[in-house]
Amino acid sequence: MHYVKVKGILSQNNGMNLYRGCTHGCIYCDSRSACYQMNHAFEDIEVKENALVLLEEALRRKRKPCMIGTGAMTDPYIPLETKLEFTRKALLLIEKYHFGVALQTKSDRVLRDLEILRRINDKMKAVVQMTLTTADDALCRIIEPNVCTTRKRGEALAVLHDNGIPTIVWLCPILPYLNDTSENITAIVQMCHEVGVKGILCFGMGLTLRQGNREYFYRMLDTHFPGLKEQYIRQFGNRYEVSSPRHAKLMKLFHELCEKYGLLHDNQEIFAYLNRFEEKPLFQQLSLWDE
């Protein structure tokens, strides 16, 4: 871990990353890619020490409330968050200034901040997005070794739903010859239905590989799945988009299951929902009275 000072914290689209780097150890992580120009070891977490000051200044300056996103590049609930609580403090600022939040994670540590998320959602909107890749917890422990299993994530999604907090699942990546099966897709979509997920984002059955994350991914394949790296190289070469041979069949199954269970599965519709700021009628009325 090391600290840096940054010039800004919110992107043009109101997204933020309080940390850079990750210790979850997911073998496919795109954030390792060289194009992001990370000049330190990926597991040496960069902590933006002035992030909370910058966030409060940015929220105070905004003329209109909006949704604040976090987790696109670095999971906001990496183990270090337990000690530093930057994500928790950021949520308290979002609540203080009456903004909404859409956070993305793989960790059931999100439940630590359940009460804050409930308060935000009571007034505006708080959405939790959870990444799921495999219904097989044994495989999950290999491809996502330092984060909670899919079963634990499902339990967290159920708790969030029971507390009125909407959830979205990212079904990705689907790794050719590892989790690209009908059984896996069916099990994940069924679980999403059972725990009250609102919708599932899916960009195709496959993954992306580029300089930085490709080399790490192949080393992990050699470690855990001997011979599979050579199969990838023969079939996909140096392609950026690595698509499962079962892509068409699995996408058809995915959309059919989502229709069956009444889950949103149009990516544009889901992103529109995530970006749309909503203020609850009662809180809106109270805000007018305060004025």
C-alpha atoms as a PDB file:
ATOM      1  CA  MET A   1       0.000   0.000   0.000  1.00  0.00           C
ATOM      2  CA  HIS A   2       1.145   3.517  -0.730  1.00  0.00           C
ATOM      3  CA  TYR A   3      -0.482   6.960  -0.744  1.00  0.00           C
ATOM      4  CA  VAL A   4      -0.679   9.508  -3.552  1.00  0.00           C
ATOM      5  CA  LYS A   5      -2.342  12.873  -3.930  1.00  0.00           C
ATOM      6  CA  VAL A   6      -4.537  13.325  -6.983  1.00  0.00           C
ATOM      7  CA  LYS A   7      -5.908  16.380  -8.764  1.00  0.00           C
ATOM      8  CA  GLY A   8      -9.476  15.149  -9.143  1.00  0.00           C
ATOM      9  CA  ILE A   9     -11.686  12.256  -8.104  1.00  0.00           C
ATOM     10  CA  LEU A  10     -14.883  12.324 -10.206  1.00  0.00           C
ATOM     11  CA  SER A  11     -14.742  11.506 -13.893  1.00  0.00           C
ATOM     12  CA  GLN A  12     -16.796  13.316 -16.515  1.00  0.00           C
ATOM     13  CA  ASN A  13     -19.435  10.619 -16.050  1.00  0.00           C
ATOM     14  CA  ASN A  14     -19.400  10.963 -12.250  1.00  0.00           C
ATOM     15  CA  GLY A  15     -17.475   7.764 -11.632  1.00  0.00           C
ATOM     16  CA  MET A  16     -14.661   7.434  -9.108  1.00  0.00           C
ATOM     17  CA  ASN A  17     -12.015   5.001  -7.951  1.00  0.00           C
ATOM     18  CA  LEU A  18     -10.707   5.587  -4.450  1.00  0.00           C
ATOM     19  CA  TYR A  19      -7.977   2.980  -4.902  1.00  0.00           C
ATOM     20  CA  ARG A  20      -5.801   1.745  -7.788  1.00  0.00           C
ATOM     21  CA  GLY A  21      -4.743  -1.871  -7.956  1.00  0.00           C
ATOM     22  CA  CYS A  22      -6.369  -4.893  -6.375  1.00  0.00           C
ATOM     23  CA  THR A  23      -5.600  -7.937  -4.235  1.00  0.00           C
ATOM     24  CA  HIS A  24      -8.579 -10.095  -5.233  1.00  0.00           C
ATOM     25  CA  GLY A  25      -6.285 -11.991  -7.603  1.00  0.00           C
ATOM     26  CA  CYS A  26      -8.863 -12.631 -10.357  1.00  0.00           C
ATOM     27  CA  ILE A  27      -6.935 -14.364 -13.115  1.00  0.00           C
ATOM     28  CA  TYR A  28      -8.673 -12.497 -15.955  1.00  0.00           C
ATOM     29  CA  CYS A  29      -8.595  -8.922 -14.589  1.00  0.00           C
ATOM     30  CA  ASP A  30      -8.531  -6.298 -17.374  1.00  0.00           C
ATOM     31  CA  SER A  31      -7.340  -3.631 -14.933  1.00  0.00           C
ATOM     32  CA  ARG A  32      -3.868  -5.202 -15.167  1.00  0.00           C
ATOM     33  CA  SER A  33      -3.650  -4.067 -18.803  1.00  0.00           C
ATOM     34  CA  ALA A  34      -0.648  -1.937 -19.698  1.00  0.00           C
ATOM     35  CA  CYS A  35      -2.873   0.687 -21.351  1.00  0.00           C
ATOM     36  CA  TYR A  36      -3.895   1.940 -17.896  1.00  0.00           C
ATOM     37  CA  GLN A  37      -0.283   2.958 -17.249  1.00  0.00           C
ATOM     38  CA  MET A  38      -0.115   1.763 -13.657  1.00  0.00           C
ATOM     39  CA  ASN A  39       3.457   2.483 -12.580  1.00  0.00           C
ATOM     40  CA  HIS A  40       3.428   0.245  -9.507  1.00  0.00           C
ATOM     41  CA  ALA A  41       2.840  -3.415  -8.760  1.00  0.00           C
ATOM     42  CA  PHE A  42      -0.832  -4.262  -9.204  1.00  0.00           C
ATOM     43  CA  GLU A  43      -1.128  -5.697  -5.686  1.00  0.00           C
ATOM     44  CA  ASP A  44       0.586  -2.627  -4.166  1.00  0.00           C
ATOM     45  CA  ILE A  45      -2.619  -0.673  -3.641  1.00  0.00           C
ATOM     46  CA  GLU A  46      -2.454   3.007  -4.473  1.00  0.00           C
ATOM     47  CA  VAL A  47      -4.593   4.962  -2.014  1.00  0.00           C
ATOM     48  CA  LYS A  48      -5.766   8.392  -3.115  1.00  0.00           C
ATOM     49  CA  GLU A  49      -5.235  10.097   0.219  1.00  0.00           C
ATOM     50  CA  ASN A  50      -7.080  13.320  -0.666  1.00  0.00           C
ATOM     51  CA  ALA A  51      -9.953  11.552  -2.443  1.00  0.00           C
ATOM     52  CA  LEU A  52     -12.559  12.261   0.224  1.00  0.00           C
ATOM     53  CA  VAL A  53     -11.699  15.975   0.407  1.00  0.00           C
ATOM     54  CA  LEU A  54     -11.962  16.211  -3.388  1.00  0.00           C
ATOM     55  CA  LEU A  55     -15.212  14.266  -3.404  1.00  0.00           C
ATOM     56  CA  GLU A  56     -16.851  16.568  -0.879  1.00  0.00           C
ATOM     57  CA  GLU A  57     -15.729  19.625  -2.840  1.00  0.00           C
ATOM     58  CA  ALA A  58     -17.087  18.129  -6.074  1.00  0.00           C
ATOM     59  CA  LEU A  59     -20.451  17.194  -4.546  1.00  0.00           C
ATOM     60  CA  ARG A  60     -20.831  20.606  -2.950  1.00  0.00           C
ATOM     61  CA  ARG A  61     -20.185  22.331  -6.288  1.00  0.00           C
ATOM     62  CA  LYS A  62     -22.626  20.301  -8.363  1.00  0.00           C
ATOM     63  CA  ARG A  63     -25.778  22.175  -9.300  1.00  0.00           C
ATOM     64  CA  LYS A  64     -27.923  19.084  -9.659  1.00  0.00           C
ATOM     65  CA  PRO A  65     -27.730  15.749  -7.844  1.00  0.00           C
ATOM     66  CA  CYS A  66     -26.854  12.680  -9.882  1.00  0.00           C
ATOM     67  CA  MET A  67     -25.741   9.086  -9.536  1.00  0.00           C
ATOM     68  CA  ILE A  68     -22.163   8.590  -8.337  1.00  0.00           C
ATOM     69  CA  GLY A  69     -20.503   5.412  -9.562  1.00  0.00           C
ATOM     70  CA  THR A  70     -17.590   3.466  -8.132  1.00  0.00           C
ATOM     71  CA  GLY A  71     -15.904   0.125  -8.761  1.00  0.00           C
ATOM     72  CA  ALA A  72     -15.302   0.219 -12.513  1.00  0.00           C
ATOM     73  CA  MET A  73     -11.518  -0.203 -12.216  1.00  0.00           C
ATOM     74  CA  THR A  74     -10.905  -1.196  -8.598  1.00  0.00           C
ATOM     75  CA  ASP A  75     -13.329  -2.993  -6.317  1.00  0.00           C
ATOM     76  CA  PRO A  76     -14.373  -0.556  -3.563  1.00  0.00           C
ATOM     77  CA  TYR A  77     -14.409  -3.440  -1.065  1.00  0.00           C
ATOM     78  CA  ILE A  78     -10.875  -4.791  -1.383  1.00  0.00           C
ATOM     79  CA  PRO A  79      -9.558  -6.064   1.985  1.00  0.00           C
ATOM     80  CA  LEU A  80      -7.764  -2.755   2.632  1.00  0.00           C
ATOM     81  CA  GLU A  81     -11.163  -1.024   2.787  1.00  0.00           C
ATOM     82  CA  THR A  82     -11.834  -2.827   6.083  1.00  0.00           C
ATOM     83  CA  LYS A  83      -8.998  -0.814   7.624  1.00  0.00           C
ATOM     84  CA  LEU A  84      -9.180   2.518   5.769  1.00  0.00           C
ATOM     85  CA  GLU A  85     -12.967   2.829   5.213  1.00  0.00           C
ATOM     86  CA  PHE A  86     -12.608   5.216   2.274  1.00  0.00           C
ATOM     87  CA  THR A  87     -15.639   3.680   0.563  1.00  0.00           C
ATOM     88  CA  ARG A  88     -17.717   3.940   3.723  1.00  0.00           C
ATOM     89  CA  LYS A  89     -16.741   7.599   4.204  1.00  0.00           C
ATOM     90  CA  ALA A  90     -17.498   8.313   0.536  1.00  0.00           C
ATOM     91  CA  LEU A  91     -20.977   6.811   0.959  1.00  0.00           C
ATOM     92  CA  LEU A  92     -21.558   9.037   3.986  1.00  0.00           C
ATOM     93  CA  LEU A  93     -20.657  12.077   1.860  1.00  0.00           C
ATOM     94  CA  ILE A  94     -22.976  10.920  -0.914  1.00  0.00           C
ATOM     95  CA  GLU A  95     -25.738  10.603   1.667  1.00  0.00           C
ATOM     96  CA  LYS A  96     -24.923  13.992   3.222  1.00  0.00           C
ATOM     97  CA  TYR A  97     -25.214  15.837  -0.090  1.00  0.00           C
ATOM     98  CA  HIS A  98     -28.268  13.870  -1.278  1.00  0.00           C
ATOM     99  CA  PHE A  99     -26.767  12.059  -4.260  1.00  0.00           C
ATOM    100  CA  GLY A 100     -27.467   8.559  -5.496  1.00  0.00           C
ATOM    101  CA  VAL A 101     -24.898   5.781  -5.790  1.00  0.00           C
ATOM    102  CA  ALA A 102     -24.271   2.817  -8.081  1.00  0.00           C
ATOM    103  CA  LEU A 103     -21.376   0.730  -6.835  1.00  0.00           C
ATOM    104  CA  GLN A 104     -19.837  -2.380  -8.329  1.00  0.00           C
ATOM    105  CA  THR A 105     -18.165  -5.136  -6.308  1.00  0.00           C
ATOM    106  CA  LYS A 106     -17.446  -8.856  -5.989  1.00  0.00           C
ATOM    107  CA  SER A 107     -17.360  -8.774  -2.207  1.00  0.00           C
ATOM    108  CA  ASP A 108     -19.930  -9.442   0.484  1.00  0.00           C
ATOM    109  CA  ARG A 109     -18.101  -6.759   2.504  1.00  0.00           C
ATOM    110  CA  VAL A 110     -20.650  -4.433   0.942  1.00  0.00           C
ATOM    111  CA  LEU A 111     -23.040  -5.586   3.684  1.00  0.00           C
ATOM    112  CA  ARG A 112     -20.921  -3.709   6.223  1.00  0.00           C
ATOM    113  CA  ASP A 113     -22.405  -0.508   4.773  1.00  0.00           C
ATOM    114  CA  LEU A 114     -25.939  -1.839   4.481  1.00  0.00           C
ATOM    115  CA  GLU A 115     -27.460   0.807   6.752  1.00  0.00           C
ATOM    116  CA  ILE A 116     -25.876   3.680   4.807  1.00  0.00           C
ATOM    117  CA  LEU A 117     -27.059   2.208   1.530  1.00  0.00           C
ATOM    118  CA  ARG A 118     -30.547   1.823   2.973  1.00  0.00           C
ATOM    119  CA  ARG A 119     -30.638   5.459   4.049  1.00  0.00           C
ATOM    120  CA  ILE A 120     -29.470   6.640   0.617  1.00  0.00           C
ATOM    121  CA  ASN A 121     -32.018   4.400  -1.080  1.00  0.00           C
ATOM    122  CA  ASP A 122     -34.801   5.640   1.196  1.00  0.00           C
ATOM    123  CA  LYS A 123     -34.262   9.162  -0.148  1.00  0.00           C
ATOM    124  CA  MET A 124     -32.721   8.715  -3.594  1.00  0.00           C
ATOM    125  CA  LYS A 125     -31.378   5.535  -5.180  1.00  0.00           C
ATOM    126  CA  ALA A 126     -28.616   3.131  -4.180  1.00  0.00           C
ATOM    127  CA  VAL A 127     -27.842   0.261  -6.548  1.00  0.00           C
ATOM    128  CA  VAL A 128     -25.361  -2.515  -5.867  1.00  0.00           C
ATOM    129  CA  GLN A 129     -23.834  -4.302  -8.854  1.00  0.00           C
ATOM    130  CA  MET A 130     -22.279  -7.721  -8.241  1.00  0.00           C
ATOM    131  CA  THR A 131     -20.033  -9.609 -10.659  1.00  0.00           C
ATOM    132  CA  LEU A 132     -20.749 -13.327 -11.062  1.00  0.00           C
ATOM    133  CA  THR A 133     -18.775 -15.682 -13.283  1.00  0.00           C
ATOM    134  CA  THR A 134     -19.329 -19.251 -12.161  1.00  0.00           C
ATOM    135  CA  ALA A 135     -21.857 -21.179 -10.105  1.00  0.00           C
ATOM    136  CA  ASP A 136     -19.094 -23.624  -9.187  1.00  0.00           C
ATOM    137  CA  ASP A 137     -17.495 -22.399  -5.952  1.00  0.00           C
ATOM    138  CA  ALA A 138     -14.468 -24.680  -6.442  1.00  0.00           C
ATOM    139  CA  LEU A 139     -13.776 -23.013  -9.795  1.00  0.00           C
ATOM    140  CA  CYS A 140     -14.535 -19.618  -8.275  1.00  0.00           C
ATOM    141  CA  ARG A 141     -11.776 -20.132  -5.693  1.00  0.00           C
ATOM    142  CA  ILE A 142      -9.301 -20.668  -8.534  1.00  0.00           C
ATOM    143  CA  ILE A 143     -10.252 -17.877 -10.928  1.00  0.00           C
ATOM    144  CA  GLU A 144     -11.178 -15.349  -8.182  1.00  0.00           C
ATOM    145  CA  PRO A 145      -9.007 -16.620  -5.307  1.00  0.00           C
ATOM    146  CA  ASN A 146      -9.003 -13.787  -2.766  1.00  0.00           C
ATOM    147  CA  VAL A 147     -12.646 -12.732  -2.775  1.00  0.00           C
ATOM    148  CA  CYS A 148     -15.792 -14.395  -1.488  1.00  0.00           C
ATOM    149  CA  THR A 149     -17.360 -17.260  -3.420  1.00  0.00           C
ATOM    150  CA  THR A 150     -20.374 -17.030  -5.689  1.00  0.00           C
ATOM    151  CA  ARG A 151     -22.524 -18.576  -2.953  1.00  0.00           C
ATOM    152  CA  LYS A 152     -21.541 -15.774  -0.558  1.00  0.00           C
ATOM    153  CA  ARG A 153     -22.240 -13.159  -3.227  1.00  0.00           C
ATOM    154  CA  GLY A 154     -25.668 -14.686  -3.786  1.00  0.00           C
ATOM    155  CA  GLU A 155     -26.372 -14.466  -0.063  1.00  0.00           C
ATOM    156  CA  ALA A 156     -25.316 -10.822  -0.074  1.00  0.00           C
ATOM    157  CA  LEU A 157     -27.609 -10.103  -3.043  1.00  0.00           C
ATOM    158  CA  ALA A 158     -30.505 -11.679  -1.139  1.00  0.00           C
ATOM    159  CA  VAL A 159     -29.836  -9.508   1.932  1.00  0.00           C
ATOM    160  CA  LEU A 160     -29.677  -6.379  -0.214  1.00  0.00           C
ATOM    161  CA  HIS A 161     -32.962  -7.297  -1.908  1.00  0.00           C
ATOM    162  CA  ASP A 162     -34.628  -7.981   1.441  1.00  0.00           C
ATOM    163  CA  ASN A 163     -33.606  -4.473   2.501  1.00  0.00           C
ATOM    164  CA  GLY A 164     -35.132  -2.878  -0.583  1.00  0.00           C
ATOM    165  CA  ILE A 165     -31.834  -2.148  -2.344  1.00  0.00           C
ATOM    166  CA  PRO A 166     -31.952  -2.885  -6.094  1.00  0.00           C
ATOM    167  CA  THR A 167     -29.216  -5.092  -7.507  1.00  0.00           C
ATOM    168  CA  ILE A 168     -27.699  -5.667 -10.924  1.00  0.00           C
ATOM    169  CA  VAL A 169     -25.431  -8.585 -11.841  1.00  0.00           C
ATOM    170  CA  TRP A 170     -22.529  -8.445 -14.294  1.00  0.00           C
ATOM    171  CA  LEU A 171     -22.287 -11.874 -15.930  1.00  0.00           C
ATOM    172  CA  CYS A 172     -18.680 -11.709 -17.053  1.00  0.00           C
ATOM    173  CA  PRO A 173     -16.235 -12.859 -18.035  1.00  0.00           C
ATOM    174  CA  ILE A 174     -17.199 -16.235 -19.408  1.00  0.00           C
ATOM    175  CA  LEU A 175     -13.909 -18.057 -20.014  1.00  0.00           C
ATOM    176  CA  PRO A 176     -13.781 -20.465 -22.968  1.00  0.00           C
ATOM    177  CA  TYR A 177     -13.449 -24.092 -21.850  1.00  0.00           C
ATOM    178  CA  LEU A 178     -13.819 -23.174 -18.167  1.00  0.00           C
ATOM    179  CA  ASN A 179     -17.236 -21.688 -17.378  1.00  0.00           C
ATOM    180  CA  ASP A 180     -18.836 -21.433 -20.843  1.00  0.00           C
ATOM    181  CA  THR A 181     -21.458 -24.117 -20.283  1.00  0.00           C
ATOM    182  CA  SER A 182     -25.240 -24.158 -20.448  1.00  0.00           C
ATOM    183  CA  GLU A 183     -25.307 -25.513 -16.909  1.00  0.00           C
ATOM    184  CA  ASN A 184     -23.305 -22.559 -15.588  1.00  0.00           C
ATOM    185  CA  ILE A 185     -25.359 -19.888 -17.348  1.00  0.00           C
ATOM    186  CA  THR A 186     -28.602 -21.556 -16.262  1.00  0.00           C
ATOM    187  CA  ALA A 187     -27.500 -21.836 -12.635  1.00  0.00           C
ATOM    188  CA  ILE A 188     -26.394 -18.201 -12.411  1.00  0.00           C
ATOM    189  CA  VAL A 189     -29.547 -16.789 -14.007  1.00  0.00           C
ATOM    190  CA  GLN A 190     -31.737 -18.976 -11.794  1.00  0.00           C
ATOM    191  CA  MET A 191     -29.872 -17.794  -8.708  1.00  0.00           C
ATOM    192  CA  CYS A 192     -30.303 -14.157  -9.793  1.00  0.00           C
ATOM    193  CA  HIS A 193     -34.033 -14.767 -10.045  1.00  0.00           C
ATOM    194  CA  GLU A 194     -34.177 -16.419  -6.627  1.00  0.00           C
ATOM    195  CA  VAL A 195     -32.357 -13.576  -4.836  1.00  0.00           C
ATOM    196  CA  GLY A 196     -34.376 -10.789  -6.464  1.00  0.00           C
ATOM    197  CA  VAL A 197     -31.843  -9.332  -8.893  1.00  0.00           C
ATOM    198  CA  LYS A 198     -33.338  -6.609 -11.101  1.00  0.00           C
ATOM    199  CA  GLY A 199     -31.266  -7.258 -14.213  1.00  0.00           C
ATOM    200  CA  ILE A 200     -28.159  -8.886 -15.664  1.00  0.00           C
ATOM    201  CA  LEU A 201     -25.535  -7.203 -17.825  1.00  0.00           C
ATOM    202  CA  CYS A 202     -23.868  -9.517 -20.318  1.00  0.00           C
ATOM    203  CA  PHE A 203     -21.593  -8.381 -23.139  1.00  0.00           C
ATOM    204  CA  GLY A 204     -21.080 -11.781 -24.699  1.00  0.00           C
ATOM    205  CA  MET A 205     -19.668 -15.161 -23.811  1.00  0.00           C
ATOM    206  CA  GLY A 206     -15.927 -14.610 -23.655  1.00  0.00           C
ATOM    207  CA  LEU A 207     -13.322 -12.233 -22.282  1.00  0.00           C
ATOM    208  CA  THR A 208     -10.892  -9.548 -23.381  1.00  0.00           C
ATOM    209  CA  LEU A 209      -7.127  -9.988 -23.380  1.00  0.00           C
ATOM    210  CA  ARG A 210      -4.489  -7.365 -24.038  1.00  0.00           C
ATOM    211  CA  GLN A 211      -0.920  -6.631 -23.013  1.00  0.00           C
ATOM    212  CA  GLY A 212      -0.577  -6.899 -19.275  1.00  0.00           C
ATOM    213  CA  ASN A 213      -3.620  -8.945 -18.433  1.00  0.00           C
ATOM    214  CA  ARG A 214      -2.986 -11.550 -21.175  1.00  0.00           C
ATOM    215  CA  GLU A 215       0.419 -12.489 -19.751  1.00  0.00           C
ATOM    216  CA  TYR A 216      -0.940 -12.823 -16.221  1.00  0.00           C
ATOM    217  CA  PHE A 217      -3.954 -14.818 -17.406  1.00  0.00           C
ATOM    218  CA  TYR A 218      -1.736 -17.252 -19.301  1.00  0.00           C
ATOM    219  CA  ARG A 219       0.550 -17.734 -16.286  1.00  0.00           C
ATOM    220  CA  MET A 220      -2.489 -18.600 -14.193  1.00  0.00           C
ATOM    221  CA  LEU A 221      -3.742 -21.022 -16.851  1.00  0.00           C
ATOM    222  CA  ASP A 222      -0.359 -22.760 -16.777  1.00  0.00           C
ATOM    223  CA  THR A 223      -0.553 -22.975 -12.992  1.00  0.00           C
ATOM    224  CA  HIS A 224      -4.108 -24.256 -12.660  1.00  0.00           C
ATOM    225  CA  PHE A 225      -5.110 -25.655 -16.068  1.00  0.00           C
ATOM    226  CA  PRO A 226      -2.026 -27.123 -17.796  1.00  0.00           C
ATOM    227  CA  GLY A 227      -2.324 -27.211 -21.573  1.00  0.00           C
ATOM    228  CA  LEU A 228      -5.177 -24.704 -21.783  1.00  0.00           C
ATOM    229  CA  LYS A 229      -2.891 -21.747 -22.585  1.00  0.00           C
ATOM    230  CA  GLU A 230      -1.665 -23.525 -25.715  1.00  0.00           C
ATOM    231  CA  GLN A 231      -5.259 -24.160 -26.765  1.00  0.00           C
ATOM    232  CA  TYR A 232      -6.046 -20.443 -26.365  1.00  0.00           C
ATOM    233  CA  ILE A 233      -2.994 -19.447 -28.396  1.00  0.00           C
ATOM    234  CA  ARG A 234      -3.851 -21.873 -31.202  1.00  0.00           C
ATOM    235  CA  GLN A 235      -7.472 -20.800 -31.381  1.00  0.00           C
ATOM    236  CA  PHE A 236      -7.399 -17.098 -30.559  1.00  0.00           C
ATOM    237  CA  GLY A 237      -3.852 -15.891 -31.258  1.00  0.00           C
ATOM    238  CA  ASN A 238      -3.426 -12.331 -29.970  1.00  0.00           C
ATOM    239  CA  ARG A 239      -7.047 -11.270 -30.360  1.00  0.00           C
ATOM    240  CA  TYR A 240      -8.390  -8.653 -27.993  1.00  0.00           C
ATOM    241  CA  GLU A 241     -11.864 -10.187 -27.942  1.00  0.00           C
ATOM    242  CA  VAL A 242     -11.767 -13.875 -27.105  1.00  0.00           C
ATOM    243  CA  SER A 243     -15.187 -15.341 -27.807  1.00  0.00           C
ATOM    244  CA  SER A 244     -16.386 -18.738 -26.654  1.00  0.00           C
ATOM    245  CA  PRO A 245     -17.141 -21.237 -29.446  1.00  0.00           C
ATOM    246  CA  ARG A 246     -20.502 -21.605 -27.693  1.00  0.00           C
ATOM    247  CA  HIS A 247     -21.199 -17.844 -27.758  1.00  0.00           C
ATOM    248  CA  ALA A 248     -24.337 -17.887 -29.948  1.00  0.00           C
ATOM    249  CA  LYS A 249     -25.920 -20.838 -28.163  1.00  0.00           C
ATOM    250  CA  LEU A 250     -25.200 -19.457 -24.693  1.00  0.00           C
ATOM    251  CA  MET A 251     -26.400 -15.929 -25.506  1.00  0.00           C
ATOM    252  CA  LYS A 252     -29.669 -17.358 -26.828  1.00  0.00           C
ATOM    253  CA  LEU A 253     -30.063 -19.361 -23.620  1.00  0.00           C
ATOM    254  CA  PHE A 254     -29.195 -16.322 -21.489  1.00  0.00           C
ATOM    255  CA  HIS A 255     -31.837 -14.091 -23.094  1.00  0.00           C
ATOM    256  CA  GLU A 256     -34.472 -16.828 -22.986  1.00  0.00           C
ATOM    257  CA  LEU A 257     -33.878 -17.431 -19.272  1.00  0.00           C
ATOM    258  CA  CYS A 258     -34.000 -13.716 -18.471  1.00  0.00           C
ATOM    259  CA  GLU A 259     -37.305 -13.425 -20.330  1.00  0.00           C
ATOM    260  CA  LYS A 260     -38.631 -16.454 -18.450  1.00  0.00           C
ATOM    261  CA  TYR A 261     -37.752 -14.977 -15.056  1.00  0.00           C
ATOM    262  CA  GLY A 262     -38.624 -11.359 -15.844  1.00  0.00           C
ATOM    263  CA  LEU A 263     -35.058 -10.058 -15.491  1.00  0.00           C
ATOM    264  CA  LEU A 264     -33.835  -7.004 -17.380  1.00  0.00           C
ATOM    265  CA  HIS A 265     -31.244  -8.111 -19.934  1.00  0.00           C
ATOM    266  CA  ASP A 266     -30.946  -5.234 -22.396  1.00  0.00           C
ATOM    267  CA  ASN A 267     -27.595  -3.576 -21.609  1.00  0.00           C
ATOM    268  CA  GLN A 268     -28.658  -0.113 -22.752  1.00  0.00           C
ATOM    269  CA  GLU A 269     -31.804  -0.266 -20.648  1.00  0.00           C
ATOM    270  CA  ILE A 270     -29.829  -1.345 -17.591  1.00  0.00           C
ATOM    271  CA  PHE A 271     -27.190   1.358 -18.016  1.00  0.00           C
ATOM    272  CA  ALA A 272     -29.930   3.957 -18.420  1.00  0.00           C
ATOM    273  CA  TYR A 273     -31.397   2.757 -15.128  1.00  0.00           C
ATOM    274  CA  LEU A 274     -28.008   2.864 -13.376  1.00  0.00           C
ATOM    275  CA  ASN A 275     -27.338   6.426 -14.560  1.00  0.00           C
ATOM    276  CA  ARG A 276     -30.809   7.778 -13.850  1.00  0.00           C
ATOM    277  CA  PHE A 277     -30.981   9.796 -10.629  1.00  0.00           C
ATOM    278  CA  GLU A 278     -34.210   9.287  -8.727  1.00  0.00           C
ATOM    279  CA  GLU A 279     -35.524  11.125  -5.730  1.00  0.00           C
ATOM    280  CA  LYS A 280     -38.250   9.500  -3.655  1.00  0.00           C
ATOM    281  CA  PRO A 281     -41.514  11.526  -3.655  1.00  0.00           C
ATOM    282  CA  LEU A 282     -41.662  11.961   0.132  1.00  0.00           C
ATOM    283  CA  PHE A 283     -38.060  13.172   0.338  1.00  0.00           C
ATOM    284  CA  GLN A 284     -38.653  15.468  -2.639  1.00  0.00           C
ATOM    285  CA  GLN A 285     -41.599  17.003  -0.815  1.00  0.00           C
ATOM    286  CA  LEU A 286     -39.555  17.455   2.365  1.00  0.00           C
ATOM    287  CA  SER A 287     -36.766  19.098   0.358  1.00  0.00           C
ATOM    288  CA  LEU A 288     -39.231  21.644  -1.035  1.00  0.00           C
ATOM    289  CA  TRP A 289     -40.439  22.436   2.457  1.00  0.00           C
ATOM    290  CA  ASP A 290     -36.845  22.979   3.586  1.00  0.00           C
ATOM    291  CA  GLU A 291     -36.409  25.551   0.851  1.00  0.00           C
END
